C-alpha atoms as a PDB file:
ATOM      1  CA  MET A   1      11.779  10.230 -16.114  1.00  0.00           C
ATOM      2  CA  VAL A   2      10.464   7.688 -18.609  1.00  0.00           C
ATOM      3  CA  GLN A   3      12.242   9.509 -21.453  1.00  0.00           C
ATOM      4  CA  ASP A   4      15.524   9.368 -19.541  1.00  0.00           C
ATOM      5  CA  ILE A   5      15.508   5.901 -17.943  1.00  0.00           C
ATOM      6  CA  GLY A   6      12.739   3.987 -19.743  1.00  0.00           C
ATOM      7  CA  MET A   7       9.469   2.439 -18.639  1.00  0.00           C
ATOM      8  CA  PRO A   8       9.333   1.415 -14.985  1.00  0.00           C
ATOM      9  CA  HIS A   9       9.168  -2.275 -14.148  1.00  0.00           C
ATOM     10  CA  TYR A  10       6.740  -1.898 -11.252  1.00  0.00           C
ATOM     11  CA  PHE A  11       3.942   0.430 -10.267  1.00  0.00           C
ATOM     12  CA  VAL A  12       3.254   0.131  -6.539  1.00  0.00           C
ATOM     13  CA  THR A  13       0.399   1.685  -4.565  1.00  0.00           C
ATOM     14  CA  LEU A  14       0.159   1.745  -0.790  1.00  0.00           C
ATOM     15  CA  THR A  15      -2.741   3.017   1.272  1.00  0.00           C
ATOM     16  CA  ALA A  16      -3.264   3.678   4.961  1.00  0.00           C
ATOM     17  CA  ASN A  17      -5.849   1.451   6.562  1.00  0.00           C
ATOM     18  CA  ASP A  18      -8.162   2.471   9.396  1.00  0.00           C
ATOM     19  CA  SER A  19      -8.312  -1.168  10.500  1.00  0.00           C
ATOM     20  CA  TRP A  20      -4.605  -1.749  11.106  1.00  0.00           C
ATOM     21  CA  PRO A  21      -4.508  -3.198  14.638  1.00  0.00           C
ATOM     22  CA  GLU A  22      -1.689  -0.855  15.674  1.00  0.00           C
ATOM     23  CA  VAL A  23      -3.695   2.188  14.575  1.00  0.00           C
ATOM     24  CA  LYS A  24      -6.778   0.984  16.439  1.00  0.00           C
ATOM     25  CA  GLU A  25      -4.644   0.424  19.541  1.00  0.00           C
ATOM     26  CA  ALA A  26      -3.162   3.929  19.323  1.00  0.00           C
ATOM     27  CA  ILE A  27      -6.427   5.817  18.784  1.00  0.00           C
ATOM     28  CA  GLY A  28      -8.967   3.553  20.439  1.00  0.00           C
ATOM     29  CA  SER A  29     -12.497   3.650  19.091  1.00  0.00           C
ATOM     30  CA  MET A  30     -12.146   7.126  17.583  1.00  0.00           C
ATOM     31  CA  PRO A  31     -12.228   7.374  13.783  1.00  0.00           C
ATOM     32  CA  THR A  32      -8.844   8.125  12.197  1.00  0.00           C
ATOM     33  CA  THR A  33     -10.248  11.407  10.895  1.00  0.00           C
ATOM     34  CA  MET A  34     -10.386  12.554  14.531  1.00  0.00           C
ATOM     35  CA  ARG A  35      -6.779  11.444  15.209  1.00  0.00           C
ATOM     36  CA  PRO A  36      -4.953  12.246  11.945  1.00  0.00           C
ATOM     37  CA  VAL A  37      -1.522  12.745  13.508  1.00  0.00           C
ATOM     38  CA  GLU A  38      -1.302   9.281  15.055  1.00  0.00           C
ATOM     39  CA  SER A  39      -2.678   7.459  12.015  1.00  0.00           C
ATOM     40  CA  THR A  40      -0.417   9.402   9.629  1.00  0.00           C
ATOM     41  CA  GLN A  41       2.650   8.774  11.801  1.00  0.00           C
ATOM     42  CA  TYR A  42       1.918   5.058  11.755  1.00  0.00           C
ATOM     43  CA  PHE A  43       1.463   5.103   7.971  1.00  0.00           C
ATOM     44  CA  PHE A  44       4.885   6.718   7.531  1.00  0.00           C
ATOM     45  CA  HIS A  45       6.396   4.163   9.905  1.00  0.00           C
ATOM     46  CA  GLN A  46       4.890   1.354   7.803  1.00  0.00           C
ATOM     47  CA  PHE A  47       6.038   3.064   4.612  1.00  0.00           C
ATOM     48  CA  SER A  48       9.635   3.229   5.869  1.00  0.00           C
ATOM     49  CA  LEU A  49       9.545  -0.537   6.483  1.00  0.00           C
ATOM     50  CA  ILE A  50       8.064  -1.198   3.052  1.00  0.00           C
ATOM     51  CA  LYS A  51      10.682   1.006   1.347  1.00  0.00           C
ATOM     52  CA  GLU A  52      13.358  -1.186   2.922  1.00  0.00           C
ATOM     53  CA  LEU A  53      11.699  -4.233   1.352  1.00  0.00           C
ATOM     54  CA  LEU A  54      11.270  -2.621  -2.052  1.00  0.00           C
ATOM     55  CA  TYR A  55      14.589  -0.870  -2.602  1.00  0.00           C
ATOM     56  CA  GLY A  56      16.608  -1.092   0.596  1.00  0.00           C
ATOM     57  CA  ARG A  57      18.942  -3.857   1.702  1.00  0.00           C
ATOM     58  CA  ARG A  58      16.269  -6.549   1.339  1.00  0.00           C
ATOM     59  CA  ASN A  59      14.967  -5.452  -2.115  1.00  0.00           C
ATOM     60  CA  VAL A  60      12.466  -8.249  -2.728  1.00  0.00           C
ATOM     61  CA  PHE A  61      12.072  -7.485  -6.464  1.00  0.00           C
ATOM     62  CA  GLY A  62      15.788  -7.480  -7.153  1.00  0.00           C
ATOM     63  CA  LYS A  63      18.284  -4.658  -7.523  1.00  0.00           C
ATOM     64  CA  VAL A  64      16.402  -1.371  -7.898  1.00  0.00           C
ATOM     65  CA  THR A  65      18.334   1.061 -10.075  1.00  0.00           C
ATOM     66  CA  ASP A  66      15.907   3.955  -9.649  1.00  0.00           C
ATOM     67  CA  HIS A  67      12.673   4.810  -7.924  1.00  0.00           C
ATOM     68  CA  TRP A  68      10.120   7.602  -7.644  1.00  0.00           C
ATOM     69  CA  TYR A  69       7.149   8.068  -5.352  1.00  0.00           C
ATOM     70  CA  ARG A  70       4.498  10.598  -4.496  1.00  0.00           C
ATOM     71  CA  ILE A  71       2.417  10.771  -1.338  1.00  0.00           C
ATOM     72  CA  GLN A  72      -1.103  12.142  -1.590  1.00  0.00           C
ATOM     73  CA  PHE A  73      -3.821  12.628   0.972  1.00  0.00           C
ATOM     74  CA  ARG A  74      -7.197  11.553  -0.359  1.00  0.00           C
ATOM     75  CA  ASN A  75     -10.807  12.504   0.466  1.00  0.00           C
ATOM     76  CA  ARG A  76     -10.824  11.305   4.080  1.00  0.00           C
ATOM     77  CA  GLY A  77      -7.280  12.522   4.654  1.00  0.00           C
ATOM     78  CA  ALA A  78      -5.759   9.043   4.406  1.00  0.00           C
ATOM     79  CA  PRO A  79      -2.257   8.999   2.879  1.00  0.00           C
ATOM     80  CA  HIS A  80      -1.570   7.047  -0.320  1.00  0.00           C
ATOM     81  CA  VAL A  81       1.750   6.345  -2.012  1.00  0.00           C
ATOM     82  CA  TYR A  82       2.185   5.907  -5.742  1.00  0.00           C
ATOM     83  CA  MET A  83       5.587   4.493  -6.605  1.00  0.00           C
ATOM     84  CA  LEU A  84       7.551   3.529  -9.711  1.00  0.00           C
ATOM     85  CA  LEU A  85      10.499   1.130  -9.578  1.00  0.00           C
ATOM     86  CA  TRP A  86      13.155   0.435 -12.184  1.00  0.00           C
ATOM     87  CA  LEU A  87      15.185  -2.776 -11.858  1.00  0.00           C
ATOM     88  CA  ALA A  88      18.619  -3.846 -13.015  1.00  0.00           C
ATOM     89  CA  PRO A  89      18.467  -5.796 -16.301  1.00  0.00           C
ATOM     90  CA  GLU A  90      19.325  -9.096 -14.606  1.00  0.00           C
ATOM     91  CA  ASP A  91      16.266  -8.794 -12.350  1.00  0.00           C
ATOM     92  CA  THR A  92      13.580  -7.888 -14.882  1.00  0.00           C
ATOM     93  CA  GLU A  93      12.612 -11.423 -15.936  1.00  0.00           C
ATOM     94  CA  LYS A  94      11.391 -12.650 -12.542  1.00  0.00           C
ATOM     95  CA  ASP A  95       7.830 -13.785 -11.946  1.00  0.00           C
ATOM     96  CA  VAL A  96       5.813 -10.932 -10.538  1.00  0.00           C
ATOM     97  CA  VAL A  97       2.937 -10.628  -8.122  1.00  0.00           C
ATOM     98  CA  VAL A  98      -0.370  -9.628  -9.661  1.00  0.00           C
ATOM     99  CA  ALA A  99      -3.316  -7.866  -8.060  1.00  0.00           C
ATOM    100  CA  THR A 100      -5.523 -10.847  -7.368  1.00  0.00           C
ATOM    101  CA  LEU A 101      -6.859 -12.252  -4.147  1.00  0.00           C
ATOM    102  CA  PRO A 102      -4.915 -15.216  -2.755  1.00  0.00           C
ATOM    103  CA  ARG A 103      -6.719 -18.508  -3.292  1.00  0.00           C
ATOM    104  CA  SER A 104      -7.912 -19.881   0.017  1.00  0.00           C
ATOM    105  CA  GLU A 105      -8.350 -23.468  -1.141  1.00  0.00           C
ATOM    106  CA  LEU A 106      -4.628 -23.987  -1.744  1.00  0.00           C
ATOM    107  CA  ASP A 107      -3.370 -24.202   1.821  1.00  0.00           C
ATOM    108  CA  HIS A 108      -3.661 -22.688   5.294  1.00  0.00           C
ATOM    109  CA  GLU A 109      -1.310 -19.789   4.444  1.00  0.00           C
ATOM    110  CA  GLY A 110      -3.365 -18.961   1.347  1.00  0.00           C
ATOM    111  CA  LYS A 111      -6.555 -18.902   3.398  1.00  0.00           C
ATOM    112  CA  GLU A 112      -5.007 -16.734   6.103  1.00  0.00           C
ATOM    113  CA  LEU A 113      -3.530 -14.330   3.551  1.00  0.00           C
ATOM    114  CA  ARG A 114      -6.861 -14.071   1.710  1.00  0.00           C
ATOM    115  CA  GLU A 115      -8.655 -13.237   4.978  1.00  0.00           C
ATOM    116  CA  LEU A 116      -6.071 -10.527   5.764  1.00  0.00           C
ATOM    117  CA  VAL A 117      -6.374  -8.972   2.306  1.00  0.00           C
ATOM    118  CA  LEU A 118     -10.168  -8.970   2.468  1.00  0.00           C
ATOM    119  CA  ARG A 119     -10.190  -7.482   5.969  1.00  0.00           C
ATOM    120  CA  LEU A 120      -7.401  -4.905   5.594  1.00  0.00           C
ATOM    121  CA  GLN A 121      -6.897  -4.076   1.925  1.00  0.00           C
ATOM    122  CA  ILE A 122     -10.301  -4.041   0.215  1.00  0.00           C
ATOM    123  CA  HIS A 123     -12.095  -0.709   0.407  1.00  0.00           C
ATOM    124  CA  THR A 124     -15.832  -0.529   0.755  1.00  0.00           C
ATOM    125  CA  CYS A 125     -17.623   2.784   0.946  1.00  0.00           C
ATOM    126  CA  LEU A 126     -19.377   3.388   4.223  1.00  0.00           C
ATOM    127  CA  ALA A 127     -21.488   6.492   4.754  1.00  0.00           C
ATOM    128  CA  SER A 128     -19.645   7.173   8.009  1.00  0.00           C
ATOM    129  CA  ARG A 129     -16.230   7.145   6.288  1.00  0.00           C
ATOM    130  CA  CYS A 130     -16.614   8.147   2.639  1.00  0.00           C
ATOM    131  CA  LYS A 131     -17.114  11.816   1.947  1.00  0.00           C
ATOM    132  CA  ARG A 132     -18.236  11.723  -1.679  1.00  0.00           C
ATOM    133  CA  GLY A 133     -20.391  14.301  -3.363  1.00  0.00           C
ATOM    134  CA  PRO A 134     -23.802  13.705  -4.908  1.00  0.00           C
ATOM    135  CA  LYS A 135     -22.310  12.206  -8.092  1.00  0.00           C
ATOM    136  CA  GLY A 136     -20.036   9.812  -6.219  1.00  0.00           C
ATOM    137  CA  VAL A 137     -16.929  11.913  -6.792  1.00  0.00           C
END
């Protein structure tokens, strides 16, 4: 793809989260590994909404001329999406979002967004959820 259409403008990753309130409501106190159908269905629902934002009618980055994505299921069975986006030339000079935590001291929205990111998007290994081997792999 890169040889044909050039380097992508964005690399996007999306991951299912056991702590999404809607997932917790659907499966109760059971771990998502015990209810993989419901948690995976919700992930794909969320992914369809995000696709609309990325390259649908709302296209928040600008006009997307091409895209590619792959869905993988990782160690605990949680789905992940890896996506590449190519933009129209007129939309490639925009400021972009970087992978940093929002600064909470700026305003109320920044504080609220930081709390959401820390609660829902930062992975920490817990013995009850991570199934790594003896070497951490």
